[in-house]
Amino acid sequence: MPSPASSRPPTLDEVAERARVSRTVASRVINNGPNVSRAKRDAVEKAIRELGFTPNRSARALATRQTGVVVLAVTGDGPEVFADPFFAQLIVGASAALEKTDLHLMLSLITSGHGQQRLRNFLQTRGADGVMLVATRGVDPLVDIVAQSGLPTVFIGLPKDGTPPYYIDVDNAGGSRAATEHLLRGGRRRIAVITGPPDTAVGRERHRGFVEALRLAGLEPYATAAGDFLEPSGAEAMRVLLSTHPDLDAVVVGNDNMAAGALRVLRAAGRSVPGDVALVGFDDLPIAEHTDPKLTTVHQPVQALGREAARILVELLDGGQPASSVLPTRLVVRASA
């Protein structure tokens, strides 16, 4: 029985001392971890009962939490990546979830070989307890760097190839299908698309949903151009489409940033939106409310992506086996289509 004179709860060290095992072994028993003999496990469980020890969240996580830091890692061309409204909302969501824990969020933007090696060293020396990795383009060394670290990892968005054990994503194909069906219902038939990077799963899935909706209606894509999810690339893709297919009557765009760029080019070319050309984006970022006309788009819950990624990672660190999930999207109809 716990000592009646004690006014504080027993500690893990006291459990280990009572059971005559190391602190690590006691922690493994509390976390239901491997590599503990039956005799030592019984001794720790007996000490827990005798001392009245109640494993709290931090104690259960002791075997996997060493630093109190988790990393949100992304490959990008420069620090402006984190100024993108998508990443800003992602960070807000992850931070909100981690506020309820004892974990701190570290942002890691990898732009060079030196940055890759720095992150590799940081993770291999256990500078962090876990990683949230934003889905990357093509063959990204970040995936191998994180895998080699052996740290618990949650993907935000699926990588281009393969399905990791733990991930959070949105229904990209379904959202793009809904956007295309909306245009078809409005009588549009010469529908072009500005895709995201073809070497990303998100770009591929949004394009797939677009093509599926058209083919169900007996149509094929009228024209295709690709961008990189940034506004200038959307503008350039729109210039190409207007040059090669000037009679297009609608465009499905891979995200809101590119849609804003496309809208700017359409207006400069004297095309009315949605009169001459209807336009639909994807993400429902704040920019969609500030374009003229306001942008019809597909809402994806970006903050929820960050929250769920952090929740899954915390559950992994607590010894759980969380389920990966795909969050729903929905069409938000505004003035552009």
Protein backbone atom coordinates (compact mmCIF):
# COMPACT_ATOMS: atom_id res chain seq x y z
CA MET A 1 0.00 0.00 0.00
CA PRO A 2 1.25 3.54 -0.57
CA SER A 3 2.63 5.28 2.45
CA PRO A 4 -0.10 7.26 4.23
CA ALA A 5 2.47 9.92 5.06
CA SER A 6 3.14 10.62 1.41
CA SER A 7 1.29 13.62 0.01
CA ARG A 8 2.43 13.13 -3.59
CA PRO A 9 1.91 10.33 -6.08
CA PRO A 10 4.68 7.74 -6.42
CA THR A 11 7.17 8.23 -9.24
CA LEU A 12 8.49 5.92 -11.91
CA ASP A 13 11.86 5.86 -10.14
CA GLU A 14 10.18 4.59 -6.98
CA VAL A 15 8.40 1.87 -8.93
CA ALA A 16 11.73 0.80 -10.46
CA GLU A 17 13.43 0.81 -7.06
CA ARG A 18 10.65 -1.24 -5.43
CA ALA A 19 10.75 -3.77 -8.29
CA ARG A 20 14.58 -3.83 -8.27
CA VAL A 21 14.76 -3.11 -11.99
CA SER A 22 16.10 -0.24 -14.05
CA ARG A 23 13.99 2.81 -14.83
CA THR A 24 14.03 1.77 -18.51
CA VAL A 25 12.59 -1.66 -17.73
CA ALA A 26 9.87 -0.12 -15.56
CA SER A 27 9.01 2.28 -18.37
CA ARG A 28 8.82 -0.58 -20.88
CA VAL A 29 6.39 -2.46 -18.68
CA ILE A 30 4.19 0.64 -18.30
CA ASN A 31 4.25 1.09 -22.09
CA ASN A 32 3.65 -2.63 -22.67
CA GLY A 33 6.96 -2.67 -24.49
CA PRO A 34 9.04 -5.66 -25.68
CA ASN A 35 12.20 -7.29 -24.33
CA VAL A 36 11.16 -7.61 -20.69
CA SER A 37 11.28 -10.98 -18.93
CA ARG A 38 8.16 -12.37 -17.32
CA ALA A 39 9.79 -12.16 -13.87
CA LYS A 40 10.70 -8.49 -14.23
CA ARG A 41 7.30 -7.64 -15.70
CA ASP A 42 5.60 -9.32 -12.71
CA ALA A 43 7.88 -7.46 -10.30
CA VAL A 44 7.06 -4.07 -11.87
CA GLU A 45 3.34 -4.78 -11.92
CA LYS A 46 3.49 -5.80 -8.26
CA ALA A 47 5.36 -2.59 -7.35
CA ILE A 48 2.74 -0.54 -9.23
CA ARG A 49 -0.03 -2.14 -7.19
CA GLU A 50 1.80 -1.77 -3.88
CA LEU A 51 2.70 1.87 -4.44
CA GLY A 52 -0.61 2.83 -5.98
CA PHE A 53 1.20 4.12 -9.04
CA THR A 54 -1.08 5.46 -11.80
CA PRO A 55 0.68 5.80 -15.16
CA ASN A 56 -0.12 9.23 -16.54
CA ARG A 57 0.28 10.34 -20.13
CA SER A 58 3.87 11.42 -19.69
CA ALA A 59 4.89 8.25 -17.91
CA ARG A 60 3.37 6.03 -20.55
CA ALA A 61 5.22 7.97 -23.19
CA LEU A 62 8.59 7.90 -21.45
CA ALA A 63 9.94 5.09 -23.61
CA THR A 64 9.37 7.04 -26.79
CA ARG A 65 9.59 10.67 -25.67
CA GLN A 66 13.07 11.87 -24.92
CA THR A 67 13.31 15.44 -26.18
CA GLY A 68 9.77 16.82 -26.13
CA VAL A 69 10.20 17.98 -29.75
CA VAL A 70 8.40 16.88 -32.90
CA VAL A 71 9.36 18.05 -36.39
CA LEU A 72 7.15 19.25 -39.22
CA ALA A 73 9.38 18.72 -42.26
CA VAL A 74 8.86 19.82 -45.84
CA THR A 75 11.00 20.19 -48.94
CA GLY A 76 10.75 23.61 -50.58
CA ASP A 77 12.52 26.12 -52.74
CA GLY A 78 12.82 28.78 -50.04
CA PRO A 79 11.50 30.08 -46.71
CA GLU A 80 8.48 31.59 -48.43
CA VAL A 81 6.97 28.08 -48.40
CA PHE A 82 5.86 28.61 -44.80
CA ALA A 83 4.26 31.92 -45.81
CA ASP A 84 1.92 30.01 -48.14
CA PRO A 85 -1.59 30.11 -46.58
CA PHE A 86 -1.82 26.32 -46.89
CA PHE A 87 1.23 25.75 -44.71
CA ALA A 88 0.25 28.53 -42.35
CA GLN A 89 -3.08 26.82 -41.65
CA LEU A 90 -1.38 23.42 -41.40
CA ILE A 91 0.96 24.79 -38.74
CA VAL A 92 -1.94 26.37 -36.85
CA GLY A 93 -3.74 23.03 -36.74
CA ALA A 94 -0.71 21.04 -35.61
CA SER A 95 0.22 23.62 -32.98
CA ALA A 96 -3.32 23.62 -31.59
CA ALA A 97 -3.24 19.86 -31.13
CA LEU A 98 0.19 19.91 -29.49
CA GLU A 99 -0.83 22.64 -27.03
CA LYS A 100 -2.62 19.92 -25.09
CA THR A 101 0.62 17.94 -24.70
CA ASP A 102 4.15 18.48 -23.45
CA LEU A 103 5.51 18.47 -27.00
CA HIS A 104 6.97 21.39 -28.93
CA LEU A 105 6.77 21.84 -32.69
CA MET A 106 9.88 22.50 -34.76
CA LEU A 107 9.57 23.53 -38.41
CA SER A 108 12.16 22.15 -40.81
CA LEU A 109 12.28 23.45 -44.38
CA ILE A 110 14.81 21.56 -46.51
CA THR A 111 16.07 23.51 -49.52
CA SER A 112 19.53 22.06 -50.14
CA GLY A 113 21.85 19.10 -49.69
CA HIS A 114 23.30 20.78 -46.63
CA GLY A 115 19.83 21.08 -45.15
CA GLN A 116 19.19 17.40 -45.80
CA GLN A 117 22.36 16.39 -43.99
CA ARG A 118 21.59 18.70 -41.10
CA LEU A 119 18.16 17.14 -40.65
CA ARG A 120 19.65 13.65 -40.99
CA ASN A 121 22.12 14.37 -38.19
CA PHE A 122 19.43 15.95 -36.04
CA LEU A 123 17.09 12.99 -36.32
CA GLN A 124 19.75 10.30 -36.01
CA THR A 125 21.03 11.84 -32.78
CA ARG A 126 17.45 11.73 -31.48
CA GLY A 127 17.00 15.47 -31.48
CA ALA A 128 13.29 14.83 -31.94
CA ASP A 129 10.76 12.24 -30.82
CA GLY A 130 8.75 12.06 -34.05
CA VAL A 131 8.17 13.60 -37.46
CA MET A 132 5.25 14.92 -39.48
CA LEU A 133 6.33 14.84 -43.11
CA VAL A 134 4.45 16.85 -45.71
CA ALA A 135 3.89 14.76 -48.85
CA THR A 136 6.69 15.38 -51.27
CA ARG A 137 7.42 15.44 -54.97
CA GLY A 138 8.83 12.49 -56.87
CA VAL A 139 11.84 10.86 -55.25
CA ASP A 140 12.46 13.03 -52.22
CA PRO A 141 15.46 12.26 -49.99
CA LEU A 142 13.43 13.42 -46.98
CA VAL A 143 11.46 10.18 -47.10
CA ASP A 144 14.64 8.09 -46.76
CA ILE A 145 16.14 10.42 -44.17
CA VAL A 146 13.09 10.08 -41.95
CA ALA A 147 12.82 6.32 -42.53
CA GLN A 148 16.47 5.79 -41.59
CA SER A 149 15.96 7.67 -38.33
CA GLY A 150 13.50 5.03 -37.15
CA LEU A 151 11.37 7.74 -35.52
CA PRO A 152 7.57 7.56 -35.48
CA THR A 153 6.42 9.34 -38.64
CA VAL A 154 3.09 10.61 -39.93
CA PHE A 155 2.69 11.68 -43.55
CA ILE A 156 0.52 14.70 -44.29
CA GLY A 157 -0.76 13.74 -47.70
CA LEU A 158 0.30 10.54 -49.40
CA PRO A 159 3.67 10.34 -51.12
CA LYS A 160 3.66 9.75 -54.87
CA ASP A 161 4.49 6.06 -54.56
CA GLY A 162 3.36 3.65 -51.87
CA THR A 163 1.21 4.01 -48.80
CA PRO A 164 3.00 4.65 -45.48
CA PRO A 165 1.72 3.04 -42.28
CA TYR A 166 0.50 6.32 -40.80
CA TYR A 167 -0.89 9.22 -42.80
CA ILE A 168 -3.63 11.82 -42.99
CA ASP A 169 -4.98 12.99 -46.32
CA VAL A 170 -8.08 14.48 -47.97
CA ASP A 171 -10.29 13.12 -50.72
CA ASN A 172 -8.49 14.89 -53.54
CA ALA A 173 -10.03 12.89 -56.38
CA GLY A 174 -13.54 13.24 -54.97
CA GLY A 175 -13.16 16.99 -54.56
CA SER A 176 -11.94 17.44 -58.13
CA ARG A 177 -14.77 15.25 -59.39
CA ALA A 178 -17.31 17.45 -57.59
CA ALA A 179 -15.78 20.60 -59.09
CA THR A 180 -15.91 19.19 -62.62
CA GLU A 181 -19.49 17.90 -62.19
CA HIS A 182 -20.52 21.39 -61.07
CA LEU A 183 -19.17 22.85 -64.32
CA LEU A 184 -20.90 20.16 -66.37
CA ARG A 185 -24.21 20.90 -64.68
CA GLY A 186 -23.73 24.52 -65.67
CA GLY A 187 -23.52 23.54 -69.32
CA ARG A 188 -19.75 23.82 -69.73
CA ARG A 189 -18.26 21.34 -72.20
CA ARG A 190 -14.86 22.70 -73.28
CA ILE A 191 -13.30 22.22 -69.87
CA ALA A 192 -9.54 22.57 -69.44
CA VAL A 193 -7.46 21.76 -66.40
CA ILE A 194 -4.41 23.27 -64.73
CA THR A 195 -2.93 20.46 -62.69
CA GLY A 196 -0.49 20.51 -59.82
CA PRO A 197 2.96 18.97 -60.28
CA PRO A 198 2.52 15.57 -61.97
CA ASP A 199 5.17 14.01 -59.71
CA THR A 200 3.00 14.49 -56.62
CA ALA A 201 0.20 12.26 -55.38
CA VAL A 202 -2.04 15.27 -54.80
CA GLY A 203 -1.53 16.54 -58.34
CA ARG A 204 -2.19 13.08 -59.75
CA GLU A 205 -5.31 12.46 -57.65
CA ARG A 206 -6.93 15.80 -58.45
CA HIS A 207 -6.30 15.23 -62.12
CA ARG A 208 -7.77 11.73 -61.85
CA GLY A 209 -11.01 13.05 -60.35
CA PHE A 210 -11.28 15.63 -63.15
CA VAL A 211 -10.83 13.01 -65.88
CA GLU A 212 -13.26 10.56 -64.24
CA ALA A 213 -16.03 13.15 -64.09
CA LEU A 214 -15.57 14.09 -67.74
CA ARG A 215 -15.52 10.50 -68.94
CA LEU A 216 -18.70 9.70 -67.02
CA ALA A 217 -20.25 12.51 -69.07
CA GLY A 218 -18.83 11.11 -72.31
CA LEU A 219 -16.16 13.80 -72.64
CA GLU A 220 -12.37 14.04 -72.61
CA PRO A 221 -10.22 16.83 -71.15
CA TYR A 222 -10.31 19.74 -73.58
CA ALA A 223 -6.81 20.94 -72.72
CA THR A 224 -4.23 20.36 -70.00
CA ALA A 225 -1.45 22.49 -68.51
CA ALA A 226 0.62 21.97 -65.37
CA GLY A 227 1.72 24.31 -62.61
CA ASP A 228 3.61 24.07 -59.32
CA PHE A 229 0.81 25.21 -56.95
CA LEU A 230 2.16 28.78 -56.87
CA GLU A 231 0.27 31.74 -58.33
CA PRO A 232 2.76 32.64 -61.11
CA SER A 233 2.58 29.12 -62.51
CA GLY A 234 -1.20 29.33 -62.67
CA ALA A 235 -0.93 32.56 -64.61
CA GLU A 236 1.58 31.09 -67.07
CA ALA A 237 -0.51 27.92 -67.53
CA MET A 238 -3.57 30.07 -68.29
CA ARG A 239 -1.65 32.04 -70.92
CA VAL A 240 -0.68 28.77 -72.61
CA LEU A 241 -4.26 27.47 -72.54
CA LEU A 242 -5.67 30.68 -74.02
CA SER A 243 -3.05 30.57 -76.75
CA THR A 244 -3.68 26.95 -77.72
CA HIS A 245 -7.41 26.65 -76.93
CA PRO A 246 -8.91 30.15 -77.03
CA ASP A 247 -12.49 28.81 -77.13
CA LEU A 248 -12.32 26.98 -73.77
CA ASP A 249 -15.31 27.74 -71.55
CA ALA A 250 -14.17 26.47 -68.14
CA VAL A 251 -11.02 25.62 -66.19
CA VAL A 252 -10.55 23.35 -63.19
CA VAL A 253 -7.43 24.48 -61.33
CA GLY A 254 -5.35 22.35 -58.96
CA ASN A 255 -5.35 24.87 -56.12
CA ASP A 256 -6.51 28.37 -55.20
CA ASN A 257 -3.12 30.02 -55.60
CA MET A 258 -2.88 28.93 -59.22
CA ALA A 259 -6.55 29.79 -59.76
CA ALA A 260 -5.87 33.35 -58.62
CA GLY A 261 -3.08 33.60 -61.18
CA ALA A 262 -5.32 32.14 -63.89
CA LEU A 263 -8.10 34.59 -63.03
CA ARG A 264 -5.71 37.52 -63.35
CA VAL A 265 -4.71 36.41 -66.87
CA LEU A 266 -8.31 35.83 -67.95
CA ARG A 267 -9.30 39.34 -66.92
CA ALA A 268 -6.24 40.83 -68.62
CA ALA A 269 -7.25 38.99 -71.80
CA GLY A 270 -10.71 40.53 -71.63
CA ARG A 271 -12.50 37.28 -70.70
CA SER A 272 -15.36 37.65 -68.26
CA VAL A 273 -15.56 35.18 -65.38
CA PRO A 274 -17.83 33.28 -65.23
CA GLY A 275 -19.55 34.61 -68.36
CA ASP A 276 -16.91 33.55 -70.89
CA VAL A 277 -14.91 31.18 -68.74
CA ALA A 278 -15.95 29.53 -65.48
CA LEU A 279 -13.17 28.87 -62.98
CA VAL A 280 -12.94 26.49 -60.02
CA GLY A 281 -10.04 26.19 -57.57
CA PHE A 282 -9.15 23.79 -54.77
CA ASP A 283 -8.28 24.31 -51.05
CA ASP A 284 -10.67 27.13 -50.03
CA LEU A 285 -7.81 29.26 -48.76
CA PRO A 286 -8.45 32.87 -47.67
CA ILE A 287 -7.43 34.09 -51.13
CA ALA A 288 -10.62 32.51 -52.54
CA GLU A 289 -12.67 35.12 -50.68
CA HIS A 290 -10.59 38.03 -51.96
CA THR A 291 -10.44 37.43 -55.70
CA ASP A 292 -12.80 39.33 -58.02
CA PRO A 293 -15.06 37.51 -58.59
CA LYS A 294 -14.87 35.36 -55.48
CA LEU A 295 -13.60 31.91 -56.26
CA THR A 296 -15.73 28.78 -56.40
CA THR A 297 -13.47 26.13 -54.93
CA VAL A 298 -13.19 22.80 -53.16
CA HIS A 299 -12.81 23.11 -49.42
CA GLN A 300 -10.27 20.89 -47.78
CA PRO A 301 -9.93 21.13 -43.99
CA VAL A 302 -6.30 22.22 -43.85
CA GLN A 303 -6.21 23.00 -40.14
CA ALA A 304 -7.83 19.62 -39.47
CA LEU A 305 -5.02 17.99 -41.49
CA GLY A 306 -2.49 19.52 -39.12
CA ARG A 307 -4.53 18.64 -36.03
CA GLU A 308 -5.06 15.05 -37.10
CA ALA A 309 -1.40 14.57 -38.07
CA ALA A 310 -0.35 15.77 -34.62
CA ARG A 311 -3.00 13.62 -32.92
CA ILE A 312 -1.83 10.49 -34.77
CA LEU A 313 1.80 11.23 -33.91
CA VAL A 314 1.01 11.79 -30.23
CA GLU A 315 -0.89 8.51 -30.13
CA LEU A 316 2.10 6.75 -31.70
CA LEU A 317 4.41 8.27 -29.11
CA ASP A 318 2.03 7.09 -26.40
CA GLY A 319 2.38 3.53 -27.62
CA GLY A 320 -0.92 3.37 -29.48
CA GLN A 321 -1.78 2.11 -32.95
CA PRO A 322 -3.76 4.96 -34.51
CA ALA A 323 -5.67 4.55 -37.75
CA SER A 324 -4.76 6.63 -40.77
CA SER A 325 -7.63 8.52 -42.36
CA VAL A 326 -8.84 10.48 -45.38
CA LEU A 327 -10.83 13.62 -44.61
CA PRO A 328 -13.78 14.65 -46.79
CA THR A 329 -13.83 17.65 -49.11
CA ARG A 330 -16.79 19.75 -50.22
CA LEU A 331 -17.59 22.18 -53.00
CA VAL A 332 -17.98 25.86 -52.02
CA VAL A 333 -19.91 27.71 -54.73
CA ARG A 334 -19.10 31.39 -55.12
CA ALA A 335 -19.18 33.74 -58.10
CA SER A 336 -16.49 32.38 -60.45
CA ALA A 337 -18.48 29.30 -61.54
